[in-house]
N, C-alpha and C. Protein backbone atom coordinates (compact mmCIF):
# COMPACT_ATOMS: atom_id res chain seq x y z
N MET A 1 -31.84 -5.93 126.71
CA MET A 1 -31.26 -7.25 126.42
C MET A 1 -29.81 -7.24 126.86
N PHE A 2 -29.41 -8.29 127.45
CA PHE A 2 -28.09 -8.35 128.07
C PHE A 2 -27.26 -9.37 127.31
N TYR A 3 -26.01 -8.89 126.86
CA TYR A 3 -25.09 -9.80 126.18
C TYR A 3 -23.93 -10.13 127.08
N THR A 4 -23.53 -11.34 126.95
CA THR A 4 -22.36 -11.75 127.73
C THR A 4 -21.13 -11.27 127.03
N GLN A 5 -20.05 -11.34 127.73
CA GLN A 5 -18.77 -10.87 127.14
C GLN A 5 -18.38 -11.74 125.96
N HIS A 6 -18.67 -12.97 126.09
CA HIS A 6 -18.34 -13.91 125.00
C HIS A 6 -19.13 -13.59 123.75
N GLU A 7 -20.38 -13.29 123.96
CA GLU A 7 -21.22 -12.92 122.81
C GLU A 7 -20.74 -11.62 122.21
N LYS A 8 -20.37 -10.71 123.06
CA LYS A 8 -19.85 -9.44 122.56
C LYS A 8 -18.58 -9.68 121.72
N ASP A 9 -17.76 -10.54 122.27
CA ASP A 9 -16.52 -10.83 121.54
C ASP A 9 -16.82 -11.47 120.17
N LEU A 10 -17.80 -12.32 120.18
CA LEU A 10 -18.17 -12.97 118.91
C LEU A 10 -18.70 -11.95 117.90
N VAL A 11 -19.53 -11.05 118.48
CA VAL A 11 -20.11 -10.00 117.60
C VAL A 11 -18.99 -9.11 117.08
N ASN A 12 -18.13 -8.74 117.96
CA ASN A 12 -17.01 -7.88 117.54
C ASN A 12 -16.11 -8.59 116.51
N ARG A 13 -15.97 -9.82 116.79
CA ARG A 13 -15.13 -10.57 115.84
C ARG A 13 -15.79 -10.62 114.47
N LYS A 14 -17.08 -10.88 114.45
CA LYS A 14 -17.81 -10.90 113.19
C LYS A 14 -17.76 -9.55 112.49
N ILE A 15 -17.88 -8.52 113.36
CA ILE A 15 -17.84 -7.16 112.79
C ILE A 15 -16.47 -6.91 112.14
N ARG A 16 -15.43 -7.32 112.88
CA ARG A 16 -14.08 -7.11 112.34
C ARG A 16 -13.89 -7.91 111.02
N LEU A 17 -14.40 -9.14 111.06
CA LEU A 17 -14.30 -9.95 109.84
C LEU A 17 -15.07 -9.30 108.69
N LEU A 18 -16.26 -8.79 109.09
CA LEU A 18 -17.08 -8.14 108.07
C LEU A 18 -16.39 -6.89 107.55
N GLU A 19 -15.82 -6.13 108.44
CA GLU A 19 -15.09 -4.93 108.03
C GLU A 19 -13.90 -5.30 107.15
N SER A 20 -13.25 -6.41 107.56
CA SER A 20 -12.10 -6.86 106.76
C SER A 20 -12.55 -7.27 105.35
N ASP A 21 -13.69 -7.98 105.36
CA ASP A 21 -14.22 -8.40 104.05
C ASP A 21 -14.61 -7.18 103.20
N ILE A 22 -15.26 -6.22 103.93
CA ILE A 22 -15.67 -5.00 103.21
C ILE A 22 -14.45 -4.25 102.68
N GLN A 23 -13.43 -4.18 103.54
CA GLN A 23 -12.21 -3.48 103.13
C GLN A 23 -11.55 -4.20 101.95
N ASP A 24 -11.51 -5.56 102.08
CA ASP A 24 -10.92 -6.32 100.96
C ASP A 24 -11.72 -6.12 99.67
N GLU A 25 -13.04 -6.13 99.88
CA GLU A 25 -13.90 -5.94 98.71
C GLU A 25 -13.74 -4.55 98.13
N THR A 26 -13.61 -3.60 99.09
CA THR A 26 -13.42 -2.21 98.64
C THR A 26 -12.10 -2.07 97.88
N ILE A 27 -11.08 -2.70 98.42
CA ILE A 27 -9.77 -2.65 97.74
C ILE A 27 -9.86 -3.30 96.35
N LYS A 28 -10.57 -4.45 96.38
CA LYS A 28 -10.76 -5.12 95.08
C LYS A 28 -11.52 -4.23 94.10
N ASN A 29 -12.59 -3.61 94.67
CA ASN A 29 -13.38 -2.73 93.80
C ASN A 29 -12.55 -1.53 93.31
N GLN A 30 -11.75 -1.01 94.25
CA GLN A 30 -10.90 0.11 93.85
C GLN A 30 -9.90 -0.31 92.76
N GLN A 31 -9.34 -1.52 92.97
CA GLN A 31 -8.40 -2.02 91.95
C GLN A 31 -9.11 -2.26 90.62
N HIS A 32 -10.33 -2.77 90.80
CA HIS A 32 -11.12 -3.02 89.59
C HIS A 32 -11.43 -1.71 88.87
N VAL A 33 -11.75 -0.71 89.69
CA VAL A 33 -12.02 0.63 89.12
C VAL A 33 -10.76 1.17 88.44
N LYS A 34 -9.62 0.98 89.14
CA LYS A 34 -8.36 1.43 88.52
C LYS A 34 -8.11 0.71 87.19
N ASP A 35 -8.39 -0.61 87.23
CA ASP A 35 -8.21 -1.38 85.99
C ASP A 35 -9.16 -0.88 84.90
N LEU A 36 -10.39 -0.56 85.36
CA LEU A 36 -11.36 -0.03 84.39
C LEU A 36 -10.90 1.31 83.82
N TYR A 37 -10.37 2.15 84.74
CA TYR A 37 -9.85 3.45 84.27
C TYR A 37 -8.71 3.25 83.26
N LYS A 38 -7.84 2.30 83.62
CA LYS A 38 -6.75 2.02 82.69
C LYS A 38 -7.28 1.53 81.33
N LEU A 39 -8.27 0.60 81.45
CA LEU A 39 -8.86 0.08 80.22
C LEU A 39 -9.52 1.19 79.41
N ILE A 40 -10.25 2.04 80.16
CA ILE A 40 -10.92 3.17 79.49
C ILE A 40 -9.89 4.09 78.85
N SER A 41 -8.83 4.36 79.63
CA SER A 41 -7.78 5.22 79.11
C SER A 41 -7.13 4.60 77.87
N SER A 42 -6.89 3.28 77.96
CA SER A 42 -6.31 2.59 76.81
C SER A 42 -7.25 2.61 75.61
N LEU A 43 -8.54 2.41 75.94
CA LEU A 43 -9.54 2.46 74.87
C LEU A 43 -9.63 3.84 74.25
N GLN A 44 -9.59 4.84 75.14
CA GLN A 44 -9.63 6.21 74.64
C GLN A 44 -8.42 6.51 73.75
N GLN A 45 -7.26 6.03 74.22
CA GLN A 45 -6.06 6.22 73.41
C GLN A 45 -6.17 5.49 72.07
N HIS A 46 -6.69 4.26 72.16
CA HIS A 46 -6.86 3.48 70.94
C HIS A 46 -7.87 4.15 70.00
N ILE A 47 -8.95 4.63 70.63
CA ILE A 47 -9.96 5.34 69.84
C ILE A 47 -9.36 6.59 69.20
N SER A 48 -8.54 7.27 69.99
CA SER A 48 -7.88 8.47 69.46
C SER A 48 -6.98 8.12 68.29
N GLU A 49 -6.25 7.01 68.47
CA GLU A 49 -5.39 6.57 67.37
C GLU A 49 -6.22 6.20 66.14
N ILE A 50 -7.33 5.51 66.40
CA ILE A 50 -8.21 5.14 65.29
C ILE A 50 -8.76 6.39 64.60
N GLN A 51 -9.16 7.37 65.45
CA GLN A 51 -9.66 8.63 64.89
C GLN A 51 -8.59 9.31 64.03
N ASN A 52 -7.35 9.30 64.57
CA ASN A 52 -6.26 9.89 63.80
C ASN A 52 -6.03 9.14 62.48
N GLN A 53 -6.11 7.80 62.60
CA GLN A 53 -5.97 7.00 61.39
C GLN A 53 -7.09 7.28 60.40
N LEU A 54 -8.30 7.42 60.98
CA LEU A 54 -9.45 7.75 60.12
C LEU A 54 -9.27 9.11 59.45
N LEU A 55 -8.75 10.05 60.25
CA LEU A 55 -8.51 11.39 59.69
C LEU A 55 -7.45 11.33 58.58
N ASP A 56 -6.37 10.55 58.88
CA ASP A 56 -5.34 10.39 57.86
C ASP A 56 -5.90 9.72 56.61
N GLN A 57 -6.71 8.69 56.87
CA GLN A 57 -7.31 7.98 55.74
C GLN A 57 -8.26 8.89 54.97
N GLN A 58 -9.00 9.70 55.72
CA GLN A 58 -9.89 10.66 55.08
C GLN A 58 -9.11 11.66 54.23
N HIS A 59 -8.01 12.11 54.81
CA HIS A 59 -7.15 13.04 54.07
C HIS A 59 -6.61 12.38 52.79
N THR A 60 -6.15 11.11 52.98
CA THR A 60 -5.65 10.37 51.82
C THR A 60 -6.74 10.17 50.78
N ASN A 61 -7.94 9.82 51.27
CA ASN A 61 -9.07 9.63 50.34
C ASN A 61 -9.41 10.92 49.61
N ASP A 62 -9.40 12.01 50.38
CA ASP A 62 -9.68 13.31 49.75
C ASP A 62 -8.64 13.63 48.67
N HIS A 63 -7.39 13.34 49.03
CA HIS A 63 -6.32 13.59 48.05
C HIS A 63 -6.48 12.70 46.81
N LEU A 64 -6.84 11.42 47.07
CA LEU A 64 -7.06 10.52 45.95
C LEU A 64 -8.24 10.97 45.10
N LEU A 65 -9.29 11.42 45.77
CA LEU A 65 -10.46 11.91 45.02
C LEU A 65 -10.09 13.12 44.17
N GLU A 66 -9.31 14.02 44.78
CA GLU A 66 -8.87 15.18 44.02
C GLU A 66 -8.02 14.76 42.81
N LYS A 67 -7.14 13.78 43.08
CA LYS A 67 -6.28 13.30 42.00
C LYS A 67 -7.11 12.61 40.92
N ILE A 68 -8.09 11.81 41.38
CA ILE A 68 -8.97 11.14 40.42
C ILE A 68 -9.74 12.15 39.60
N ASP A 69 -10.28 13.17 40.28
CA ASP A 69 -11.01 14.22 39.55
C ASP A 69 -10.10 14.91 38.55
N SER A 70 -8.86 15.19 39.01
CA SER A 70 -7.92 15.85 38.11
C SER A 70 -7.57 14.96 36.92
N ASN A 71 -7.32 13.67 37.24
CA ASN A 71 -7.00 12.74 36.16
C ASN A 71 -8.19 12.55 35.22
N TYR A 72 -9.38 12.54 35.81
CA TYR A 72 -10.58 12.39 34.99
C TYR A 72 -10.72 13.58 34.05
N ASP A 73 -10.52 14.78 34.61
CA ASP A 73 -10.60 15.98 33.77
C ASP A 73 -9.54 15.93 32.67
N MET A 74 -8.33 15.52 33.08
CA MET A 74 -7.24 15.44 32.10
C MET A 74 -7.56 14.39 31.04
N LEU A 75 -8.08 13.24 31.51
CA LEU A 75 -8.43 12.17 30.58
C LEU A 75 -9.55 12.61 29.65
N ASP A 76 -10.55 13.28 30.23
CA ASP A 76 -11.66 13.77 29.42
C ASP A 76 -11.16 14.76 28.36
N LYS A 77 -10.25 15.63 28.78
CA LYS A 77 -9.66 16.59 27.84
C LYS A 77 -8.87 15.86 26.77
N ARG A 78 -8.11 14.85 27.20
CA ARG A 78 -7.31 14.09 26.24
C ARG A 78 -8.21 13.36 25.26
N ILE A 79 -9.33 12.82 25.76
CA ILE A 79 -10.28 12.15 24.87
C ILE A 79 -10.83 13.11 23.84
N ASP A 80 -11.17 14.31 24.30
CA ASP A 80 -11.65 15.34 23.36
C ASP A 80 -10.59 15.66 22.31
N GLU A 81 -9.33 15.80 22.79
CA GLU A 81 -8.25 16.08 21.84
C GLU A 81 -8.07 14.92 20.86
N ARG A 82 -8.18 13.69 21.40
CA ARG A 82 -8.04 12.53 20.53
C ARG A 82 -9.16 12.48 19.50
N ASP A 83 -10.37 12.81 19.94
CA ASP A 83 -11.49 12.85 19.00
C ASP A 83 -11.23 13.85 17.88
N VAL A 84 -10.69 15.00 18.26
CA VAL A 84 -10.36 16.02 17.25
C VAL A 84 -9.28 15.49 16.30
N GLU A 85 -8.25 14.83 16.88
CA GLU A 85 -7.18 14.27 16.04
C GLU A 85 -7.74 13.21 15.09
N ILE A 86 -8.61 12.35 15.61
CA ILE A 86 -9.21 11.31 14.77
C ILE A 86 -10.05 11.94 13.66
N SER A 87 -10.81 12.97 14.03
CA SER A 87 -11.62 13.67 13.02
C SER A 87 -10.73 14.29 11.95
N ASP A 88 -9.64 14.93 12.40
CA ASP A 88 -8.70 15.52 11.43
C ASP A 88 -8.07 14.44 10.56
N LEU A 89 -7.73 13.31 11.20
CA LEU A 89 -7.11 12.22 10.45
C LEU A 89 -8.09 11.65 9.41
N ASP A 90 -9.35 11.46 9.84
CA ASP A 90 -10.36 10.98 8.90
C ASP A 90 -10.52 11.94 7.73
N SER A 91 -10.53 13.23 8.05
CA SER A 91 -10.65 14.24 7.00
C SER A 91 -9.45 14.18 6.05
N ARG A 92 -8.26 14.02 6.65
CA ARG A 92 -7.05 13.95 5.83
C ARG A 92 -7.06 12.71 4.95
N ILE A 93 -7.48 11.57 5.53
CA ILE A 93 -7.56 10.33 4.76
C ILE A 93 -8.53 10.49 3.59
N THR A 94 -9.67 11.13 3.87
CA THR A 94 -10.65 11.38 2.80
C THR A 94 -10.04 12.24 1.71
N ASP A 95 -9.33 13.29 2.13
CA ASP A 95 -8.68 14.17 1.14
C ASP A 95 -7.65 13.41 0.32
N ILE A 96 -6.85 12.56 1.01
CA ILE A 96 -5.83 11.78 0.31
C ILE A 96 -6.48 10.81 -0.68
N LYS A 97 -7.58 10.17 -0.24
CA LYS A 97 -8.29 9.25 -1.14
C LYS A 97 -8.79 9.99 -2.37
N GLU A 98 -9.43 11.14 -2.14
CA GLU A 98 -9.95 11.91 -3.26
C GLU A 98 -8.82 12.36 -4.17
N GLU A 99 -7.70 12.81 -3.54
CA GLU A 99 -6.55 13.25 -4.34
C GLU A 99 -5.97 12.08 -5.13
N TYR A 100 -5.87 10.91 -4.48
CA TYR A 100 -5.34 9.73 -5.16
C TYR A 100 -6.24 9.31 -6.32
N ILE A 101 -7.56 9.33 -6.06
CA ILE A 101 -8.51 8.96 -7.11
C ILE A 101 -8.41 9.94 -8.27
N ASP A 102 -8.31 11.24 -7.94
CA ASP A 102 -8.18 12.25 -8.99
C ASP A 102 -6.89 12.02 -9.79
N ASP A 103 -5.79 11.74 -9.05
CA ASP A 103 -4.52 11.49 -9.74
C ASP A 103 -4.62 10.27 -10.64
N CYS A 104 -5.27 9.22 -10.12
CA CYS A 104 -5.43 8.00 -10.92
C CYS A 104 -6.26 8.28 -12.17
N ASN A 105 -7.36 9.03 -11.97
CA ASN A 105 -8.21 9.37 -13.11
C ASN A 105 -7.45 10.21 -14.12
N ASN A 106 -6.69 11.19 -13.60
CA ASN A 106 -5.91 12.04 -14.51
C ASN A 106 -4.85 11.22 -15.23
N SER A 107 -4.18 10.32 -14.45
CA SER A 107 -3.15 9.48 -15.07
C SER A 107 -3.76 8.56 -16.12
N PHE A 108 -4.92 7.98 -15.77
CA PHE A 108 -5.60 7.09 -16.72
C PHE A 108 -6.00 7.86 -17.97
N SER A 109 -6.53 9.08 -17.74
CA SER A 109 -6.93 9.90 -18.88
C SER A 109 -5.72 10.26 -19.73
N SER A 110 -4.60 10.61 -19.04
CA SER A 110 -3.38 10.96 -19.76
C SER A 110 -2.83 9.76 -20.53
N VAL A 111 -2.84 8.58 -19.86
CA VAL A 111 -2.36 7.36 -20.53
C VAL A 111 -3.25 7.02 -21.72
N SER A 112 -4.57 7.19 -21.53
CA SER A 112 -5.49 6.91 -22.62
C SER A 112 -5.22 7.84 -23.80
N GLU A 113 -4.98 9.12 -23.48
CA GLU A 113 -4.66 10.07 -24.54
C GLU A 113 -3.35 9.69 -25.22
N ASP A 114 -2.34 9.28 -24.39
CA ASP A 114 -1.06 8.87 -24.97
C ASP A 114 -1.22 7.65 -25.86
N ILE A 115 -2.04 6.69 -25.40
CA ILE A 115 -2.27 5.48 -26.19
C ILE A 115 -2.97 5.84 -27.50
N THR A 116 -3.97 6.73 -27.39
CA THR A 116 -4.68 7.16 -28.60
C THR A 116 -3.73 7.84 -29.57
N GLU A 117 -2.90 8.75 -29.02
CA GLU A 117 -1.93 9.45 -29.87
C GLU A 117 -0.93 8.47 -30.49
N LEU A 118 -0.48 7.49 -29.66
CA LEU A 118 0.46 6.50 -30.18
C LEU A 118 -0.18 5.65 -31.27
N ASN A 119 -1.45 5.28 -31.04
CA ASN A 119 -2.15 4.51 -32.06
C ASN A 119 -2.29 5.30 -33.35
N ASN A 120 -2.57 6.61 -33.19
CA ASN A 120 -2.69 7.47 -34.37
C ASN A 120 -1.38 7.53 -35.14
N LYS A 121 -0.25 7.48 -34.38
CA LYS A 121 1.05 7.50 -35.04
C LYS A 121 1.42 6.14 -35.62
N LEU A 122 1.02 5.07 -34.89
CA LEU A 122 1.42 3.73 -35.32
C LEU A 122 0.57 3.20 -36.48
N ASN A 123 -0.71 3.58 -36.48
CA ASN A 123 -1.60 3.05 -37.52
C ASN A 123 -1.08 3.33 -38.93
N PRO A 124 -0.64 4.60 -39.22
CA PRO A 124 -0.07 4.83 -40.55
C PRO A 124 1.18 3.98 -40.80
N LEU A 125 1.99 3.80 -39.72
CA LEU A 125 3.18 2.96 -39.88
C LEU A 125 2.81 1.52 -40.19
N PHE A 126 1.77 1.03 -39.48
CA PHE A 126 1.30 -0.32 -39.76
C PHE A 126 0.79 -0.43 -41.19
N GLU A 127 0.07 0.61 -41.61
CA GLU A 127 -0.43 0.60 -42.98
C GLU A 127 0.72 0.60 -43.98
N ASN A 128 1.76 1.42 -43.66
CA ASN A 128 2.94 1.44 -44.55
C ASN A 128 3.63 0.09 -44.58
N VAL A 129 3.71 -0.53 -43.38
CA VAL A 129 4.32 -1.86 -43.33
C VAL A 129 3.53 -2.85 -44.17
N ASP A 130 2.19 -2.77 -44.07
CA ASP A 130 1.35 -3.66 -44.89
C ASP A 130 1.59 -3.42 -46.38
N ILE A 131 1.68 -2.11 -46.72
CA ILE A 131 1.93 -1.78 -48.13
C ILE A 131 3.29 -2.31 -48.58
N LEU A 132 4.30 -2.09 -47.72
CA LEU A 132 5.65 -2.55 -48.06
C LEU A 132 5.72 -4.07 -48.16
N MET A 133 5.00 -4.74 -47.24
CA MET A 133 4.99 -6.20 -47.31
C MET A 133 4.32 -6.67 -48.60
N THR A 134 3.27 -5.95 -49.00
CA THR A 134 2.60 -6.30 -50.27
C THR A 134 3.56 -6.11 -51.44
N GLU A 135 4.28 -4.96 -51.41
CA GLU A 135 5.24 -4.70 -52.48
C GLU A 135 6.37 -5.73 -52.47
N TYR A 136 6.77 -6.10 -51.24
CA TYR A 136 7.84 -7.10 -51.14
C TYR A 136 7.40 -8.45 -51.74
N LYS A 137 6.16 -8.83 -51.41
CA LYS A 137 5.64 -10.08 -51.97
C LYS A 137 5.57 -10.00 -53.49
N LYS A 138 5.15 -8.80 -53.97
CA LYS A 138 5.12 -8.62 -55.42
C LYS A 138 6.51 -8.76 -56.02
N ALA A 139 7.52 -8.17 -55.32
CA ALA A 139 8.89 -8.25 -55.82
C ALA A 139 9.38 -9.68 -55.85
N VAL A 140 9.03 -10.44 -54.81
CA VAL A 140 9.43 -11.85 -54.78
C VAL A 140 8.78 -12.61 -55.93
N ASN A 141 7.48 -12.36 -56.11
CA ASN A 141 6.78 -13.02 -57.22
C ASN A 141 7.39 -12.60 -58.56
N LEU A 142 7.75 -11.28 -58.62
CA LEU A 142 8.37 -10.79 -59.84
C LEU A 142 9.69 -11.49 -60.11
N SER A 143 10.46 -11.70 -59.05
CA SER A 143 11.74 -12.39 -59.20
C SER A 143 11.54 -13.81 -59.71
N LEU A 144 10.52 -14.47 -59.13
CA LEU A 144 10.25 -15.84 -59.57
C LEU A 144 9.82 -15.87 -61.03
N LYS A 145 8.91 -14.91 -61.37
CA LYS A 145 8.45 -14.86 -62.76
C LYS A 145 9.58 -14.51 -63.71
N TYR A 146 10.46 -13.60 -63.22
CA TYR A 146 11.58 -13.18 -64.06
C TYR A 146 12.54 -14.35 -64.31
N THR A 147 12.83 -15.10 -63.27
CA THR A 147 13.72 -16.26 -63.42
C THR A 147 13.13 -17.26 -64.39
N GLU A 148 11.83 -17.48 -64.25
CA GLU A 148 11.14 -18.40 -65.16
C GLU A 148 11.21 -17.87 -66.60
N HIS A 149 11.05 -16.53 -66.72
CA HIS A 149 11.09 -15.92 -68.05
C HIS A 149 12.47 -16.07 -68.68
N VAL A 150 13.55 -15.86 -67.90
CA VAL A 150 14.91 -15.97 -68.43
C VAL A 150 15.17 -17.36 -68.96
N HIS A 151 14.77 -18.38 -68.17
CA HIS A 151 15.02 -19.76 -68.59
C HIS A 151 14.17 -20.13 -69.81
N ARG A 152 13.00 -19.48 -69.91
CA ARG A 152 12.11 -19.82 -71.00
C ARG A 152 12.60 -19.25 -72.35
N PHE A 153 13.07 -17.96 -72.37
CA PHE A 153 13.40 -17.36 -73.68
C PHE A 153 14.77 -17.76 -74.20
N ASP A 154 15.68 -18.29 -73.34
CA ASP A 154 17.00 -18.70 -73.87
C ASP A 154 17.66 -19.74 -72.99
N GLN A 155 17.23 -20.79 -72.77
CA GLN A 155 17.87 -21.96 -72.16
C GLN A 155 18.96 -21.62 -71.15
N GLY A 156 18.95 -20.41 -70.51
CA GLY A 156 19.88 -20.07 -69.45
C GLY A 156 21.13 -19.37 -69.91
N LYS A 157 21.34 -19.13 -71.23
CA LYS A 157 22.56 -18.43 -71.65
C LYS A 157 22.51 -16.97 -71.23
N PRO A 158 21.56 -16.16 -71.71
CA PRO A 158 21.43 -14.82 -71.12
C PRO A 158 20.86 -14.98 -69.71
N ARG A 159 21.48 -14.35 -68.74
CA ARG A 159 21.03 -14.60 -67.35
C ARG A 159 21.03 -13.32 -66.54
N ALA A 160 19.97 -13.18 -65.75
CA ALA A 160 19.87 -12.05 -64.79
C ALA A 160 19.20 -12.58 -63.53
N GLU A 161 19.64 -12.09 -62.36
CA GLU A 161 19.09 -12.54 -61.07
C GLU A 161 18.81 -11.34 -60.17
N ILE A 162 17.69 -11.40 -59.47
CA ILE A 162 17.40 -10.40 -58.42
C ILE A 162 18.13 -10.86 -57.16
N THR A 163 19.18 -10.13 -56.81
CA THR A 163 20.01 -10.55 -55.68
C THR A 163 19.49 -10.03 -54.34
N SER A 164 18.76 -8.92 -54.37
CA SER A 164 18.21 -8.39 -53.12
C SER A 164 17.05 -7.46 -53.43
N SER A 165 16.19 -7.36 -52.45
CA SER A 165 15.05 -6.44 -52.56
C SER A 165 14.78 -5.91 -51.17
N TYR A 166 14.78 -4.60 -51.00
CA TYR A 166 14.64 -4.02 -49.67
C TYR A 166 13.93 -2.68 -49.76
N VAL A 167 13.50 -2.20 -48.58
CA VAL A 167 12.82 -0.91 -48.47
C VAL A 167 13.78 0.05 -47.79
N ASP A 168 14.05 1.18 -48.41
CA ASP A 168 14.98 2.14 -47.83
C ASP A 168 14.30 2.98 -46.76
N LYS A 169 15.05 3.93 -46.18
CA LYS A 169 14.51 4.75 -45.08
C LYS A 169 13.37 5.66 -45.51
N ASP A 170 13.25 5.91 -46.82
CA ASP A 170 12.15 6.74 -47.32
C ASP A 170 10.92 5.92 -47.65
N GLY A 171 11.01 4.61 -47.40
CA GLY A 171 9.86 3.76 -47.68
C GLY A 171 9.77 3.31 -49.13
N LYS A 172 10.84 3.48 -49.87
CA LYS A 172 10.85 3.11 -51.29
C LYS A 172 11.44 1.72 -51.47
N LEU A 173 10.76 0.92 -52.31
CA LEU A 173 11.22 -0.44 -52.56
C LEU A 173 12.38 -0.40 -53.56
N ASN A 174 13.50 -1.04 -53.22
CA ASN A 174 14.68 -1.10 -54.08
C ASN A 174 14.98 -2.55 -54.43
N THR A 175 15.31 -2.77 -55.69
CA THR A 175 15.62 -4.12 -56.16
C THR A 175 16.97 -4.10 -56.88
N GLU A 176 17.87 -5.00 -56.50
CA GLU A 176 19.18 -5.12 -57.15
C GLU A 176 19.19 -6.35 -58.07
N ILE A 177 19.67 -6.14 -59.31
CA ILE A 177 19.69 -7.21 -60.31
C ILE A 177 21.12 -7.36 -60.84
N HIS A 178 21.55 -8.59 -60.93
CA HIS A 178 22.82 -8.91 -61.58
C HIS A 178 22.53 -9.60 -62.93
N TRP A 179 23.22 -9.21 -63.99
CA TRP A 179 23.01 -9.79 -65.32
C TRP A 179 24.35 -10.02 -66.01
N ASN A 180 24.28 -10.79 -67.10
CA ASN A 180 25.48 -11.01 -67.91
C ASN A 180 25.35 -10.28 -69.25
N ASP A 181 26.41 -10.25 -69.99
CA ASP A 181 26.42 -9.52 -71.27
C ASP A 181 25.42 -10.12 -72.26
N GLU A 182 25.31 -11.44 -72.26
CA GLU A 182 24.37 -12.09 -73.17
C GLU A 182 22.95 -11.60 -72.91
N PHE A 183 22.64 -11.37 -71.64
CA PHE A 183 21.30 -10.90 -71.28
C PHE A 183 21.05 -9.51 -71.87
N VAL A 184 22.05 -8.62 -71.74
CA VAL A 184 21.90 -7.26 -72.27
C VAL A 184 21.79 -7.30 -73.80
N GLN A 185 22.63 -8.11 -74.45
CA GLN A 185 22.58 -8.21 -75.90
C GLN A 185 21.23 -8.74 -76.37
N ASN A 186 20.67 -9.66 -75.60
CA ASN A 186 19.36 -10.20 -75.92
C ASN A 186 18.30 -9.11 -75.84
N LEU A 187 18.40 -8.24 -74.82
CA LEU A 187 17.43 -7.15 -74.66
C LEU A 187 17.56 -6.15 -75.81
N ILE A 188 18.80 -5.87 -76.22
CA ILE A 188 19.01 -4.93 -77.33
C ILE A 188 18.39 -5.50 -78.61
N LYS A 189 18.54 -6.82 -78.81
CA LYS A 189 17.94 -7.45 -79.97
C LYS A 189 16.42 -7.33 -79.94
N GLN A 190 15.84 -7.31 -78.73
CA GLN A 190 14.39 -7.20 -78.60
C GLN A 190 13.90 -5.76 -78.75
N GLY A 191 14.84 -4.80 -78.85
CA GLY A 191 14.44 -3.42 -79.08
C GLY A 191 14.64 -2.49 -77.91
N PHE A 192 15.20 -2.98 -76.81
CA PHE A 192 15.47 -2.14 -75.64
C PHE A 192 16.83 -1.47 -75.83
N THR A 193 16.85 -0.13 -75.85
CA THR A 193 18.08 0.61 -76.07
C THR A 193 18.33 1.58 -74.94
N GLY A 194 19.63 1.96 -74.79
CA GLY A 194 20.01 2.92 -73.76
C GLY A 194 21.46 3.27 -73.87
N GLY A 195 21.88 4.29 -73.10
CA GLY A 195 23.25 4.73 -73.15
C GLY A 195 24.20 3.79 -72.44
N SER A 196 23.66 2.87 -71.63
CA SER A 196 24.49 1.92 -70.89
C SER A 196 23.71 0.65 -70.67
N ASP A 197 24.43 -0.40 -70.24
CA ASP A 197 23.74 -1.66 -69.95
C ASP A 197 22.67 -1.46 -68.88
N GLN A 198 22.98 -0.64 -67.89
CA GLN A 198 22.03 -0.40 -66.79
C GLN A 198 20.74 0.24 -67.32
N GLU A 199 20.87 1.20 -68.26
CA GLU A 199 19.67 1.84 -68.81
C GLU A 199 18.85 0.84 -69.61
N VAL A 200 19.52 -0.05 -70.33
CA VAL A 200 18.82 -1.08 -71.10
C VAL A 200 18.03 -1.98 -70.16
N VAL A 201 18.69 -2.42 -69.08
CA VAL A 201 18.03 -3.31 -68.11
C VAL A 201 16.87 -2.59 -67.42
N GLN A 202 17.07 -1.33 -67.02
CA GLN A 202 16.00 -0.57 -66.36
C GLN A 202 14.81 -0.40 -67.28
N LEU A 203 15.07 -0.15 -68.58
CA LEU A 203 13.98 -0.01 -69.54
C LEU A 203 13.21 -1.32 -69.67
N TRP A 204 13.96 -2.41 -69.71
CA TRP A 204 13.31 -3.71 -69.79
C TRP A 204 12.52 -4.02 -68.51
N LEU A 205 13.11 -3.68 -67.39
CA LEU A 205 12.45 -3.95 -66.11
C LEU A 205 11.17 -3.13 -65.98
N ALA A 206 11.21 -1.87 -66.41
CA ALA A 206 10.01 -1.04 -66.37
C ALA A 206 8.92 -1.62 -67.25
N ASN A 207 9.32 -2.10 -68.41
CA ASN A 207 8.35 -2.71 -69.32
C ASN A 207 7.77 -3.98 -68.72
N LEU A 208 8.65 -4.75 -68.06
CA LEU A 208 8.19 -5.99 -67.43
C LEU A 208 7.21 -5.71 -66.29
N LEU A 209 7.52 -4.72 -65.48
CA LEU A 209 6.60 -4.34 -64.39
C LEU A 209 5.27 -3.87 -64.95
N HIS A 210 5.33 -3.12 -66.05
CA HIS A 210 4.10 -2.64 -66.66
C HIS A 210 3.25 -3.82 -67.12
N GLN A 211 3.88 -4.81 -67.70
CA GLN A 211 3.14 -5.99 -68.17
C GLN A 211 2.52 -6.74 -67.00
N PHE A 212 3.27 -6.88 -65.90
CA PHE A 212 2.74 -7.59 -64.73
C PHE A 212 1.53 -6.87 -64.14
N ARG A 213 1.64 -5.57 -64.07
CA ARG A 213 0.52 -4.79 -63.52
C ARG A 213 -0.71 -4.89 -64.42
N GLU A 214 -0.47 -4.87 -65.72
CA GLU A 214 -1.59 -5.02 -66.65
C GLU A 214 -2.22 -6.40 -66.50
N ASN A 215 -1.36 -7.40 -66.29
CA ASN A 215 -1.88 -8.75 -66.10
C ASN A 215 -2.70 -8.85 -64.80
N GLU A 216 -2.20 -8.16 -63.74
CA GLU A 216 -2.93 -8.19 -62.47
C GLU A 216 -4.28 -7.50 -62.60
N LYS A 217 -4.30 -6.42 -63.37
CA LYS A 217 -5.57 -5.72 -63.58
C LYS A 217 -6.53 -6.59 -64.39
N GLY A 218 -5.95 -7.28 -65.36
CA GLY A 218 -6.80 -8.12 -66.19
C GLY A 218 -7.27 -9.33 -65.42
């Protein structure tokens, strides 16, 4: 087959264009490959950084886990200690309650004994007071009867008055009487005698008390 020069030139031109295109494409591909290498390198670097970060994070996590385990052990130990303290406190509270109850019971028993002893001491005093009050009432009645008696036997000329009546520290009833001479002379006329006016009056008073008691019995 025979080609003309023009056809050869066309073919050569196409070949050159094709070679140029291939070269351009090759350059593009090479650049693309370079870009890919760069991207891969960047990715590798990024991956490496991520791996380092993961390692650091893993280390941090391990440290945190160790710390958590340590804190957990410490907390668990502290809880056990707290349980022991609470148990001891409960035991102490129970002991204090029992001791307080015992003290209260002992105090109540002691107070009851003191009250009983006080009552035993006061009851005789109350009885004595009752007796003294009875005697006092008798003395008052005696005074009234005596006054009536004085006015009855002599229109008020002989006169005697009970000025006071009291109980001394020994529990004895004492009565004080004031009288006039006419009263004593009247008693002497009735047969009451003594070494002094006071003895005459005491003899009369004893006789009067005897009569009152006999009247009360009757």
